[in-house]
Structures are given as C-alpha cells and as structure tokens.
Protein backbone atom coordinates (compact mmCIF):
# COMPACT_ATOMS: atom_id res chain seq x y z
CA MET A 1 60.36 -37.98 -3.97
CA ARG A 2 58.11 -40.57 -2.14
CA PRO A 3 59.68 -43.55 -0.10
CA GLY A 4 60.84 -46.31 -0.85
CA PRO A 5 62.50 -47.57 -4.26
CA ILE A 6 62.73 -45.62 -7.45
CA ARG A 7 59.69 -46.89 -9.80
CA VAL A 8 60.64 -47.14 -13.69
CA VAL A 9 58.72 -47.07 -16.46
CA LEU A 10 60.77 -48.18 -19.63
CA ALA A 11 60.55 -47.78 -23.17
CA GLU A 12 62.00 -49.61 -25.83
CA ASP A 13 60.43 -51.40 -28.55
CA GLY A 14 64.17 -53.21 -30.06
CA VAL A 15 63.92 -56.66 -27.62
CA LEU A 16 67.78 -56.38 -27.35
CA ALA A 17 67.91 -53.87 -25.88
CA ARG A 18 65.58 -53.53 -24.12
CA GLU A 19 65.85 -57.44 -21.99
CA GLY A 20 69.64 -55.50 -20.84
CA ILE A 21 68.48 -52.47 -20.01
CA VAL A 22 65.40 -54.86 -17.89
CA ARG A 23 68.63 -56.80 -16.38
CA ILE A 24 70.18 -53.63 -15.64
CA ILE A 25 67.58 -52.05 -13.55
CA THR A 26 66.35 -54.78 -11.45
CA SER A 27 69.52 -55.59 -10.06
CA ALA A 28 69.23 -52.25 -8.45
CA GLU A 29 67.44 -53.00 -5.19
CA ASP A 30 66.26 -49.63 -5.55
CA ILE A 31 64.63 -49.36 -8.20
CA GLU A 32 62.00 -51.08 -9.52
CA LEU A 33 60.40 -51.53 -13.06
CA VAL A 34 56.35 -51.26 -12.86
CA ALA A 35 56.41 -51.51 -16.93
CA THR A 36 58.00 -51.75 -20.42
CA CYS A 37 56.51 -50.21 -23.45
CA GLU A 38 57.02 -50.11 -27.47
CA THR A 39 55.11 -47.40 -28.54
CA LEU A 40 54.31 -44.05 -27.95
CA ALA A 41 50.60 -44.99 -26.73
CA GLU A 42 51.31 -47.57 -24.74
CA VAL A 43 53.62 -44.94 -22.58
CA ARG A 44 51.63 -42.30 -22.18
CA ALA A 45 49.37 -45.30 -21.08
CA ALA A 46 51.59 -47.04 -18.22
CA VAL A 47 52.41 -43.43 -16.99
CA GLU A 48 48.87 -43.11 -15.98
CA ARG A 49 48.48 -46.31 -14.96
CA GLU A 50 51.56 -47.04 -13.23
CA GLN A 51 52.65 -42.99 -11.62
CA PRO A 52 56.20 -43.85 -11.83
CA ASP A 53 59.39 -41.55 -10.61
CA VAL A 54 60.97 -41.78 -13.54
CA LEU A 55 60.80 -42.90 -17.75
CA LEU A 56 63.38 -44.57 -18.88
CA THR A 57 62.85 -44.21 -23.26
CA ASP A 58 64.39 -44.28 -26.16
CA ILE A 59 63.97 -41.50 -27.86
CA ARG A 60 62.51 -43.10 -31.57
CA MET A 61 59.90 -45.73 -31.11
CA PRO A 62 56.72 -46.34 -33.29
CA PRO A 63 54.35 -45.05 -35.08
CA THR A 64 56.93 -42.32 -36.21
CA PHE A 65 60.51 -43.90 -35.40
CA THR A 66 61.06 -40.01 -35.22
CA ASP A 67 61.46 -37.72 -31.63
CA GLU A 68 58.94 -39.52 -29.64
CA GLY A 69 61.37 -40.25 -26.64
CA ILE A 70 61.82 -36.14 -26.24
CA GLN A 71 57.63 -35.10 -27.27
CA ILE A 72 56.53 -37.52 -24.52
CA ALA A 73 59.36 -35.47 -22.34
CA ALA A 74 57.83 -32.26 -23.26
CA GLU A 75 54.66 -33.25 -22.22
CA LEU A 76 55.42 -34.83 -18.53
CA SER A 77 57.17 -31.31 -17.90
CA THR A 78 52.95 -29.93 -18.14
CA SER A 79 51.48 -33.02 -16.97
CA HIS A 80 54.20 -34.94 -14.63
CA PRO A 81 56.71 -31.95 -13.37
CA GLU A 82 57.56 -34.30 -10.47
CA MET A 83 58.39 -36.92 -13.01
CA GLY A 84 61.47 -37.45 -14.23
CA VAL A 85 62.38 -38.68 -17.54
CA LEU A 86 66.19 -40.29 -18.71
CA VAL A 87 66.50 -40.36 -22.71
CA LEU A 88 68.50 -42.99 -24.00
CA SER A 89 69.96 -42.71 -27.63
CA GLN A 90 72.01 -44.52 -30.43
CA HIS A 91 74.10 -40.60 -31.09
CA ALA A 92 75.71 -38.19 -29.21
CA ASP A 93 73.16 -35.39 -30.92
CA PRO A 94 73.20 -32.06 -28.76
CA VAL A 95 70.01 -30.84 -31.01
CA TYR A 96 68.25 -33.69 -29.19
CA ALA A 97 69.35 -32.85 -25.57
CA MET A 98 69.27 -28.98 -25.73
CA THR A 99 65.40 -29.87 -26.84
CA LEU A 100 65.03 -32.02 -23.82
CA LEU A 101 66.16 -29.56 -21.81
CA GLU A 102 64.05 -26.79 -23.19
CA HIS A 103 61.01 -27.39 -20.95
CA GLY A 104 63.15 -27.82 -17.92
CA SER A 105 66.12 -29.12 -16.40
CA LYS A 106 64.86 -30.57 -13.76
CA GLY A 107 64.39 -34.16 -13.91
CA ARG A 108 65.66 -34.92 -17.13
CA GLY A 109 68.72 -36.84 -18.18
CA TYR A 110 70.49 -37.51 -21.92
CA LEU A 111 72.80 -40.79 -21.74
CA LEU A 112 73.89 -42.72 -24.86
CA LYS A 113 73.04 -45.99 -24.87
CA GLU A 114 76.53 -47.31 -25.34
CA ARG A 115 76.71 -46.37 -21.65
CA LEU A 116 74.65 -49.15 -20.64
CA LYS A 117 77.64 -51.74 -20.83
CA ASP A 118 78.26 -50.11 -16.82
CA SER A 119 75.30 -51.00 -15.40
CA GLY A 120 76.00 -48.57 -12.00
CA GLU A 121 76.38 -45.98 -14.89
CA LEU A 122 72.51 -46.32 -15.86
CA ASN A 123 71.55 -46.86 -11.80
CA ARG A 124 73.44 -43.61 -10.88
CA SER A 125 71.82 -41.73 -14.15
CA VAL A 126 67.99 -42.88 -12.97
CA ARG A 127 69.00 -41.91 -9.23
CA GLU A 128 69.76 -38.70 -10.53
CA VAL A 129 66.71 -38.09 -12.53
CA ALA A 130 64.36 -39.32 -10.03
CA ALA A 131 66.05 -37.17 -7.17
CA GLY A 132 65.49 -34.19 -9.75
CA GLY A 133 69.24 -33.76 -11.24
CA ALA A 134 70.21 -33.42 -14.47
CA ILE A 135 72.26 -35.62 -16.48
CA VAL A 136 73.79 -35.36 -19.74
CA ASP A 137 76.25 -37.55 -21.29
CA PRO A 138 79.91 -36.53 -21.60
CA GLN A 139 79.62 -37.54 -25.53
CA ILE A 140 77.24 -34.92 -25.55
CA VAL A 141 79.36 -32.41 -23.39
CA ASP A 142 81.86 -33.02 -25.67
CA ALA A 143 80.66 -32.13 -29.21
CA LEU A 144 79.52 -28.82 -27.63
CA LEU A 145 82.46 -28.12 -26.56
CA THR A 146 84.51 -28.97 -29.75
CA MET A 147 81.71 -26.86 -31.95
CA GLN A 148 82.54 -24.06 -29.83
CA GLU A 149 86.38 -24.56 -29.88
CA ARG A 150 85.86 -24.28 -33.58
CA LYS A 151 84.69 -21.14 -33.82
CA GLN A 152 87.15 -18.47 -33.88
CA GLY A 153 87.38 -15.68 -31.43
CA SER A 154 85.12 -18.11 -28.90
CA VAL A 155 84.84 -17.01 -25.57
CA LEU A 156 86.29 -20.61 -24.31
CA GLU A 157 89.91 -19.32 -24.73
CA ARG A 158 89.09 -17.38 -21.14
CA LEU A 159 89.41 -20.71 -20.01
CA THR A 160 92.56 -22.16 -18.59
CA PRO A 161 92.95 -26.18 -19.34
CA ARG A 162 91.40 -26.31 -14.92
CA GLU A 163 88.62 -24.82 -15.95
CA ARG A 164 87.36 -26.32 -18.84
CA GLU A 165 88.08 -29.55 -17.69
CA ILE A 166 85.92 -28.17 -14.66
CA LEU A 167 83.20 -26.58 -17.28
CA ALA A 168 82.76 -29.62 -18.97
CA LEU A 169 81.98 -31.73 -15.52
CA VAL A 170 79.57 -28.48 -14.48
CA ALA A 171 77.54 -29.50 -17.83
CA GLU A 172 76.81 -33.67 -17.14
CA GLY A 173 75.42 -32.41 -13.94
CA ARG A 174 78.24 -32.82 -11.63
CA SER A 175 78.16 -31.59 -7.90
CA ASN A 176 80.70 -29.24 -6.73
CA SER A 177 81.68 -32.35 -3.98
CA ALA A 178 81.73 -35.30 -7.25
CA ILE A 179 83.71 -32.88 -9.35
CA ALA A 180 86.29 -32.29 -6.23
CA ASP A 181 86.77 -35.74 -5.46
CA SER A 182 87.06 -36.44 -9.26
CA LEU A 183 89.70 -34.39 -9.96
CA ALA A 184 91.22 -34.97 -6.56
CA ILE A 185 91.22 -30.66 -5.63
CA THR A 186 89.22 -29.67 -2.36
CA LYS A 187 85.41 -28.21 -3.00
CA ARG A 188 86.48 -25.10 -2.03
CA GLY A 189 89.06 -24.96 -5.44
CA VAL A 190 85.74 -26.56 -7.21
CA GLU A 191 83.97 -23.78 -6.09
CA ARG A 192 86.98 -20.70 -7.28
CA HIS A 193 87.23 -22.21 -10.20
CA ILE A 194 83.28 -21.97 -11.36
CA ASN A 195 83.07 -18.65 -10.16
CA SER A 196 86.01 -17.97 -12.42
CA ILE A 197 84.69 -19.75 -15.55
CA PHE A 198 80.50 -17.66 -14.82
CA GLY A 199 82.53 -15.14 -14.55
CA LYS A 200 84.17 -15.02 -17.68
CA LEU A 201 81.51 -16.86 -19.88
CA GLU A 202 79.21 -13.97 -18.56
CA LEU A 203 76.57 -16.89 -17.14
CA GLY A 204 74.81 -16.22 -13.44
CA ASP A 205 75.16 -19.30 -11.51
CA SER A 206 72.05 -19.94 -9.10
CA GLY A 207 73.67 -22.45 -7.65
CA GLU A 208 71.19 -25.17 -8.61
CA ILE A 209 73.13 -28.08 -10.45
CA SER A 210 70.22 -28.59 -12.47
CA ARG A 211 69.42 -24.88 -13.90
CA ARG A 212 73.85 -25.08 -14.11
CA VAL A 213 73.95 -27.42 -16.80
CA LYS A 214 70.80 -25.45 -18.90
CA ALA A 215 72.99 -22.31 -19.00
CA THR A 216 76.17 -24.63 -19.22
CA LEU A 217 75.24 -26.04 -22.45
CA ALA A 218 72.54 -23.46 -23.94
CA TYR A 219 76.25 -21.14 -23.85
CA LEU A 220 77.92 -23.89 -25.63
CA ALA A 221 75.41 -24.60 -28.48
CA GLY A 222 75.99 -20.69 -29.43
CA LYS A 223 72.22 -20.32 -27.58
CA PRO A 224 71.32 -17.23 -25.87
CA LEU A 225 70.78 -17.10 -22.28
C-alpha cells in the first residue's frame, strides 16, 4: 500500500446509507474519500480516474440491482489486483461471500450494513482490506457454522467448544495475536488450537491470514478444497 491516507471510492445508490458512510469515512484521519458513485458505470470510471486503495461498495446498484458489487470485485481482481474491495450488504448471504472470495481473498471483505452503527468497525475493515487482509462478517461465519453443524456426521463435531470459537475468529480474518487478545489467552495457545483445528478438519494452513479465511469458508460452505 502506498504512503499517505487510504484512498477510498464509495459506491452506494441509497442516499441515507451513502450519507452515513461518508460521515464515518471522513471522520478517520488516515482515510480519504476520493469519489462517490451510484451506478456500476460510475464505479468503473471512478476507479480508473482515482486509482483508489479501496473500493467500498454495496452489492446491488443500477443498472440491474442484482450483484454489481460482486461483479466489480471480480473485474478488479484481474485489472487492479492490488486494490482492496470491501462489500457492504443488507443480507447475511454466504453465497455472496463465497462468490466474492472465489477470485482470491487477499484484500477482500464482506460486511453487513448493520455494522455501520459502529464507525470503528467500518474504518478498521477498510484498513484491513487496504493492507491486503480479508474480512468476513461474523454473522456469515455463524450462518456457515450452523449450516455445517446441522449436517449429520459433520466433522465440526470433532472440535472442542474452544476450537469452534477460534475457528469462527479465524474465518473472520483475525490474526493469531488478535484472537489471543480477544479470548485472553496466549498467542502460543492460539497457535496450538489452530494447528489442532486444521488437523481435525484436514485443511492445510499456509500461515497466510487471507488464505486461512478462504480455506475455512470453503470448508464451512461445504465446497471442496
């Protein structure tokens, strides 16, 4: 990421939501809002013109109000692979989250709009994807965990309650240090739990946070690795 404030293009066609996001983003000294957009065409133009560090985008916008935010994320993975994309959604939809990560999870995030009540959470997520990290809303993780737990014979049954708790935090994109702080345990303890989790679930762990997120979500969604 280049020096200076994090440059953000915002794509949101809803007036009230856009005003709220603008207020949050502009309150952070290290984040600069360089353009706002309402349509997919405007987003493409703003990205080329401004070359932002992060695109903060709604999923649905004109012209079709379907999955424009996911579409532009896929395009940018090829045309601007260094650019972060943080998708905002009203719905805890695991399918959208998985589609977003199919082209790579580095610098990708999926956050529910209800998190906008916490300005610190939104700005933290912008910083995370700008740095190449991955963010997945906890409700998405919970939905995937619940879906797997309902399956008869789910291998999640192999995990202890503490391991399930740590698995959810791993899938949210938390670092080992952040997990340790959150659970008030040592970093070495977290590492032992994660090694046990990935062993029981037969998932390879490269040590790279964004790849851990992708692997964990792929498992939870029932997709082959």
